């Protein structure tokens, strides 16, 4: 590999790493906190979480340029890293080797989950405005299906693991945690961050299991 290609790869990988932290990682934290507000019930969630945020100025532009495009770049260049990288977990079963493999595999799983999640919430809500009016009920209907419930829980878990492990490797890549002790401390911190995010995530899912009516959005749309 020539020096110029190496330099370009170095720059693109640093951009990939930074975008994984902000805005992608930051958005994941914010989104998990958002969903944790479901514990306050449908009226609170639909008004203060969905309506207020969707009513922000330029929210569509923010979703495209601050969330969607950074995620797309992070995903595409993640495939490039996977394509040219070698884990060798069977020959060299070191922890860092395994975590490299986990990072790549979780990335593919997250991308599949995002297609499912965005399609069932954001895109379908554009086509069917009744869903947007009662997103709480829509989430309840999704979680009523065991396959969708498991897919959501698994996808969320993969996203958190990907972020927590990415934070750990980012410290090494950027020369912040170079020594063994620093890396051990960093591992404990990132595991704690991941555990906290998983708590928020599953706590948010639990909030949607409150016993409230769940009208069928398709029926409501046809009735208009």
Protein backbone atom coordinates (compact mmCIF):
# COMPACT_ATOMS: atom_id res chain seq x y z
CA UNK A 1 0.00 0.00 0.00
CA UNK A 2 1.49 3.34 -1.07
CA UNK A 3 2.15 6.16 1.39
CA UNK A 4 -0.61 8.34 -0.11
CA UNK A 5 -3.20 5.56 0.19
CA UNK A 6 -2.04 4.88 3.74
CA UNK A 7 -2.45 8.55 4.65
CA UNK A 8 -5.94 8.67 3.13
CA UNK A 9 -6.92 5.52 5.01
CA UNK A 10 -5.52 7.01 8.23
CA UNK A 11 -7.62 10.17 7.77
CA UNK A 12 -10.80 8.31 6.77
CA UNK A 13 -10.44 5.95 9.71
CA UNK A 14 -10.07 8.87 12.11
CA UNK A 15 -13.22 10.43 10.67
CA UNK A 16 -14.94 7.05 11.03
CA UNK A 17 -13.84 6.89 14.67
CA UNK A 18 -14.94 10.45 15.49
CA UNK A 19 -18.34 10.02 13.87
CA UNK A 20 -18.81 6.84 15.89
CA UNK A 21 -18.53 8.98 19.01
CA UNK A 22 -20.31 12.11 17.80
CA UNK A 23 -22.89 12.34 16.45
CA UNK A 24 -23.69 8.60 16.13
CA UNK A 25 -22.84 7.55 19.69
CA UNK A 26 -24.31 10.71 21.12
CA UNK A 27 -27.55 10.15 19.25
CA UNK A 28 -27.78 6.57 20.53
CA UNK A 29 -27.48 7.81 24.12
CA UNK A 30 -30.10 10.50 23.51
CA UNK A 31 -32.47 8.06 21.78
CA UNK A 32 -32.26 5.53 24.62
CA UNK A 33 -32.99 8.31 27.09
CA UNK A 34 -35.92 9.39 24.91
CA UNK A 35 -37.49 5.95 25.00
CA UNK A 36 -36.92 5.65 28.74
CA UNK A 37 -39.50 8.45 29.09
CA UNK A 38 -42.18 5.91 28.13
CA UNK A 39 -42.39 5.10 31.84
CA UNK A 40 -44.39 8.33 32.28
CA UNK A 41 -47.19 7.02 30.08
CA UNK A 42 -48.55 7.60 26.57
CA UNK A 43 -49.68 11.22 26.99
CA UNK A 44 -46.28 12.36 28.25
CA UNK A 45 -44.34 10.31 25.69
CA UNK A 46 -46.43 11.32 22.69
CA UNK A 47 -46.34 15.02 23.58
CA UNK A 48 -42.95 15.71 25.16
CA UNK A 49 -40.86 13.11 23.32
CA UNK A 50 -42.45 12.70 19.88
CA UNK A 51 -44.45 15.89 19.21
CA UNK A 52 -41.95 18.33 20.71
CA UNK A 53 -38.94 16.83 18.95
CA UNK A 54 -40.66 16.37 15.59
CA UNK A 55 -41.94 19.93 15.86
CA UNK A 56 -38.43 21.37 16.04
CA UNK A 57 -37.27 23.64 13.21
CA UNK A 58 -35.29 21.86 10.49
CA UNK A 59 -35.70 18.48 12.19
CA UNK A 60 -35.66 16.68 8.83
CA UNK A 61 -32.37 18.34 7.84
CA UNK A 62 -30.91 17.38 11.21
CA UNK A 63 -32.04 13.80 10.77
CA UNK A 64 -30.41 13.62 7.33
CA UNK A 65 -27.13 15.50 7.84
CA UNK A 66 -26.45 15.00 11.54
CA UNK A 67 -27.77 11.44 11.97
CA UNK A 68 -28.41 9.53 8.74
CA UNK A 69 -25.34 10.53 6.69
CA UNK A 70 -22.84 10.07 9.55
CA UNK A 71 -24.35 6.65 10.28
CA UNK A 72 -24.13 5.75 6.59
CA UNK A 73 -20.48 6.80 6.37
CA UNK A 74 -19.65 4.98 9.61
CA UNK A 75 -21.33 1.83 8.28
CA UNK A 76 -19.72 1.94 4.83
CA UNK A 77 -16.22 2.57 6.10
CA UNK A 78 -16.77 -0.06 8.77
CA UNK A 79 -17.25 -2.55 5.93
CA UNK A 80 -13.96 -1.32 4.38
CA UNK A 81 -12.17 -1.90 7.69
CA UNK A 82 -13.69 -5.37 7.95
CA UNK A 83 -12.79 -6.21 4.35
CA UNK A 84 -9.11 -5.36 4.74
CA UNK A 85 -8.75 -6.44 8.37
CA UNK A 86 -8.01 -9.84 9.84
CA UNK A 87 -9.29 -11.02 13.18
CA UNK A 88 -7.64 -14.48 13.28
CA UNK A 89 -9.65 -15.32 16.39
CA UNK A 90 -9.16 -19.06 15.84
CA UNK A 91 -5.38 -18.75 15.62
CA UNK A 92 -4.89 -15.90 18.08
CA UNK A 93 -7.61 -15.86 20.70
CA UNK A 94 -6.55 -12.61 22.34
CA UNK A 95 -9.21 -10.38 23.88
CA UNK A 96 -8.45 -7.54 21.47
CA UNK A 97 -8.76 -9.92 18.53
CA UNK A 98 -12.13 -11.11 19.73
CA UNK A 99 -13.35 -7.58 20.36
CA UNK A 100 -12.33 -6.60 16.82
CA UNK A 101 -14.48 -9.48 15.56
CA UNK A 102 -17.39 -8.51 17.84
CA UNK A 103 -17.19 -4.93 16.60
CA UNK A 104 -17.44 -5.96 12.95
CA UNK A 105 -20.22 -8.54 13.42
CA UNK A 106 -22.27 -6.23 15.64
CA UNK A 107 -21.97 -3.53 12.96
CA UNK A 108 -23.68 -5.75 10.39
CA UNK A 109 -26.40 -6.64 12.88
CA UNK A 110 -26.97 -3.00 13.78
CA UNK A 111 -27.37 -2.00 10.14
CA UNK A 112 -30.05 -4.66 9.63
CA UNK A 113 -31.76 -3.51 12.82
CA UNK A 114 -31.71 0.14 11.72
CA UNK A 115 -33.48 -0.75 8.47
CA UNK A 116 -36.17 -2.49 10.50
CA UNK A 117 -36.38 0.18 13.21
CA UNK A 118 -36.41 3.27 10.98
CA UNK A 119 -38.85 1.65 8.56
CA UNK A 120 -41.30 0.71 11.32
CA UNK A 121 -41.16 4.02 13.17
CA UNK A 122 -39.92 7.04 11.21
CA UNK A 123 -40.77 6.11 7.60
CA UNK A 124 -44.09 4.42 8.32
CA UNK A 125 -45.08 7.41 10.45
CA UNK A 126 -44.60 9.67 7.42
CA UNK A 127 -46.90 7.47 5.33
CA UNK A 128 -49.42 7.01 8.14
CA UNK A 129 -49.81 10.21 10.23
CA UNK A 130 -51.98 8.40 12.79
CA UNK A 131 -48.85 6.57 13.97
CA UNK A 132 -47.10 9.88 14.58
CA UNK A 133 -50.05 11.04 16.67
CA UNK A 134 -49.76 8.00 18.96
CA UNK A 135 -46.25 6.59 18.69
CA UNK A 136 -46.64 5.06 22.14
CA UNK A 137 -49.45 2.81 20.90
CA UNK A 138 -47.48 1.99 17.75
CA UNK A 139 -44.49 0.84 19.81
CA UNK A 140 -46.81 -1.26 21.93
CA UNK A 141 -48.12 -2.98 18.81
CA UNK A 142 -44.56 -3.68 17.64
CA UNK A 143 -43.59 -5.17 21.00
CA UNK A 144 -46.77 -7.28 21.04
CA UNK A 145 -45.14 -9.38 18.30
CA UNK A 146 -42.55 -11.69 19.96
CA UNK A 147 -40.28 -11.68 16.89
CA UNK A 148 -40.24 -7.88 16.70
CA UNK A 149 -39.70 -7.66 20.46
CA UNK A 150 -36.67 -9.97 20.35
CA UNK A 151 -35.31 -8.21 17.24
CA UNK A 152 -35.60 -4.83 18.95
CA UNK A 153 -33.95 -6.01 22.16
CA UNK A 154 -31.14 -7.73 20.25
CA UNK A 155 -30.57 -4.74 17.95
CA UNK A 156 -30.45 -2.34 20.87
CA UNK A 157 -28.01 -4.60 22.73
CA UNK A 158 -25.73 -4.83 19.69
CA UNK A 159 -25.77 -1.04 19.32
CA UNK A 160 -24.76 -0.53 22.96
CA UNK A 161 -22.03 -3.20 22.80
CA UNK A 162 -20.74 -1.64 19.57
CA UNK A 163 -20.58 1.81 21.16
CA UNK A 164 -19.00 0.66 24.43
CA UNK A 165 -16.38 -1.46 22.66
CA UNK A 166 -15.80 1.35 20.16
CA UNK A 167 -15.06 3.76 23.02
CA UNK A 168 -12.49 1.32 24.39
CA UNK A 169 -10.73 0.82 21.06
CA UNK A 170 -10.96 4.55 20.33
CA UNK A 171 -8.89 5.25 23.44
CA UNK A 172 -6.19 2.91 22.14
CA UNK A 173 -6.36 4.20 18.56
CA UNK A 174 -6.02 7.83 19.61
CA UNK A 175 -3.20 7.11 22.05
CA UNK A 176 -5.18 7.96 25.19
CA UNK A 177 -4.97 4.51 26.81
CA UNK A 178 -1.68 3.01 25.63
CA UNK A 179 -0.57 1.03 28.69
CA UNK A 180 -2.08 -2.24 30.03
CA UNK A 181 -3.33 -0.62 33.26
CA UNK A 182 -4.92 2.30 31.41
CA UNK A 183 -6.64 -0.15 29.08
CA UNK A 184 -7.96 -2.21 32.00
CA UNK A 185 -9.38 0.91 33.64
CA UNK A 186 -10.83 2.01 30.31
CA UNK A 187 -12.45 -1.40 29.89
CA UNK A 188 -14.15 -1.10 33.29
CA UNK A 189 -15.39 2.40 32.47
CA UNK A 190 -16.75 1.43 29.05
CA UNK A 191 -18.44 -1.68 30.50
CA UNK A 192 -20.10 0.55 33.10
CA UNK A 193 -21.22 2.96 30.36
CA UNK A 194 -22.61 0.05 28.34
CA UNK A 195 -24.45 -1.36 31.37
CA UNK A 196 -26.02 2.05 32.08
CA UNK A 197 -27.16 2.43 28.47
CA UNK A 198 -28.64 -1.07 28.45
CA UNK A 199 -30.54 -0.21 31.61
CA UNK A 200 -31.99 2.87 29.94
CA UNK A 201 -32.79 0.85 26.82
CA UNK A 202 -34.61 -2.03 28.47
CA UNK A 203 -36.23 0.30 30.97
CA UNK A 204 -37.62 2.22 28.01
CA UNK A 205 -38.94 -0.98 26.46
CA UNK A 206 -40.59 -1.90 29.75
CA UNK A 207 -42.38 1.45 29.77
CA UNK A 208 -44.29 0.49 26.62
CA UNK A 209 -45.87 -2.50 28.39
CA UNK A 210 -48.15 -0.34 30.49
CA UNK A 211 -51.80 -1.36 30.27
CA UNK A 212 -53.24 1.32 27.98
CA UNK A 213 -55.39 1.01 24.82
CA UNK A 214 -53.47 0.30 21.62
CA UNK A 215 -55.68 1.33 18.68
CA UNK A 216 -54.86 -0.04 15.23
CA UNK A 217 -53.29 2.80 13.19
CA UNK A 218 -54.30 1.19 9.90
CA UNK A 219 -57.95 1.08 10.97
CA UNK A 220 -57.81 4.71 12.05
CA UNK A 221 -56.29 5.74 8.74
CA UNK A 222 -58.93 3.95 6.69
CA UNK A 223 -61.65 5.55 8.79
CA UNK A 224 -60.54 9.06 7.89
